[in-house]
Amino acid sequence: MIDVPFKNSSYQLLLDVSNWLEINMPNPPLPEEQRWTIGFDPNRGIYGISFNNEHDATIFALRWA
């Protein structure tokens, strides 16, 4: 898993990110392994995305960095 955190995440940013992911890197139907997952880290107080593939994480980071 490759984690990409969002330090300054707003609801609108998360909505924009999730919409972009659904269009450009859609997850396959369950129960297949998901390409990415958005989650919240309560210890750090930030949202982030976990990717199962380094290529997907790199493409995402280049677009949203």
Protein backbone atom coordinates (compact mmCIF):
# COMPACT_ATOMS: atom_id res chain seq x y z
CA MET A 1 0.00 0.00 0.00
CA ILE A 2 1.16 3.50 -0.82
CA ASP A 3 -0.42 6.25 1.30
CA VAL A 4 -0.88 9.80 0.01
CA PRO A 5 -1.94 12.18 2.84
CA PHE A 6 -3.86 15.45 2.54
CA LYS A 7 -2.71 17.85 5.23
CA ASN A 8 -5.12 20.65 4.33
CA SER A 9 -8.15 18.66 3.31
CA SER A 10 -11.56 20.23 2.96
CA TYR A 11 -14.82 18.53 2.13
CA GLN A 12 -14.77 20.11 -1.34
CA LEU A 13 -11.22 18.90 -2.01
CA LEU A 14 -12.14 15.35 -0.99
CA LEU A 15 -15.21 15.49 -3.20
CA ASP A 16 -13.12 16.75 -6.14
CA VAL A 17 -10.48 14.07 -5.54
CA SER A 18 -12.99 11.23 -5.25
CA ASN A 19 -14.79 12.38 -8.42
CA TRP A 20 -11.48 12.56 -10.30
CA LEU A 21 -10.51 9.08 -9.08
CA GLU A 22 -13.88 7.61 -10.08
CA ILE A 23 -13.49 9.01 -13.61
CA ASN A 24 -9.75 8.46 -14.18
CA MET A 25 -8.92 5.46 -11.96
CA PRO A 26 -12.19 3.68 -11.25
CA ASN A 27 -12.22 0.85 -8.74
CA PRO A 28 -13.42 -2.53 -10.00
CA PRO A 29 -16.65 -3.93 -8.58
CA LEU A 30 -16.41 -5.61 -5.19
CA PRO A 31 -15.20 -8.17 -4.14
CA GLU A 32 -12.23 -7.54 -6.46
CA GLU A 33 -9.21 -5.79 -4.94
CA GLN A 34 -9.71 -2.02 -4.96
CA ARG A 35 -7.17 0.26 -6.63
CA TRP A 36 -7.55 3.00 -4.02
CA THR A 37 -9.32 3.78 -0.75
CA ILE A 38 -9.97 7.17 0.88
CA GLY A 39 -9.71 7.14 4.65
CA PHE A 40 -9.20 9.27 7.75
CA ASP A 41 -6.26 8.91 10.13
CA PRO A 42 -7.59 9.99 13.54
CA ASN A 43 -4.10 9.96 15.08
CA ARG A 44 -2.86 12.58 12.62
CA GLY A 45 -6.22 14.26 11.98
CA ILE A 46 -5.89 14.08 8.21
CA TYR A 47 -7.50 12.35 5.28
CA GLY A 48 -5.49 10.29 2.85
CA ILE A 49 -5.69 7.82 0.01
CA SER A 50 -4.16 4.36 0.01
CA PHE A 51 -3.18 2.98 -3.37
CA ASN A 52 -2.43 -0.66 -4.14
CA ASN A 53 -0.21 0.25 -7.08
CA GLU A 54 2.82 2.55 -7.18
CA HIS A 55 1.98 3.68 -10.73
CA ASP A 56 -1.53 4.80 -9.68
CA ALA A 57 -0.10 6.63 -6.65
CA THR A 58 2.44 8.42 -8.83
CA ILE A 59 -0.12 9.49 -11.44
CA PHE A 60 -2.43 10.73 -8.69
CA ALA A 61 0.36 12.61 -6.90
CA LEU A 62 1.43 14.30 -10.13
CA ARG A 63 -2.13 15.48 -10.76
CA TRP A 64 -2.95 16.59 -7.19
CA ALA A 65 0.43 17.70 -5.82
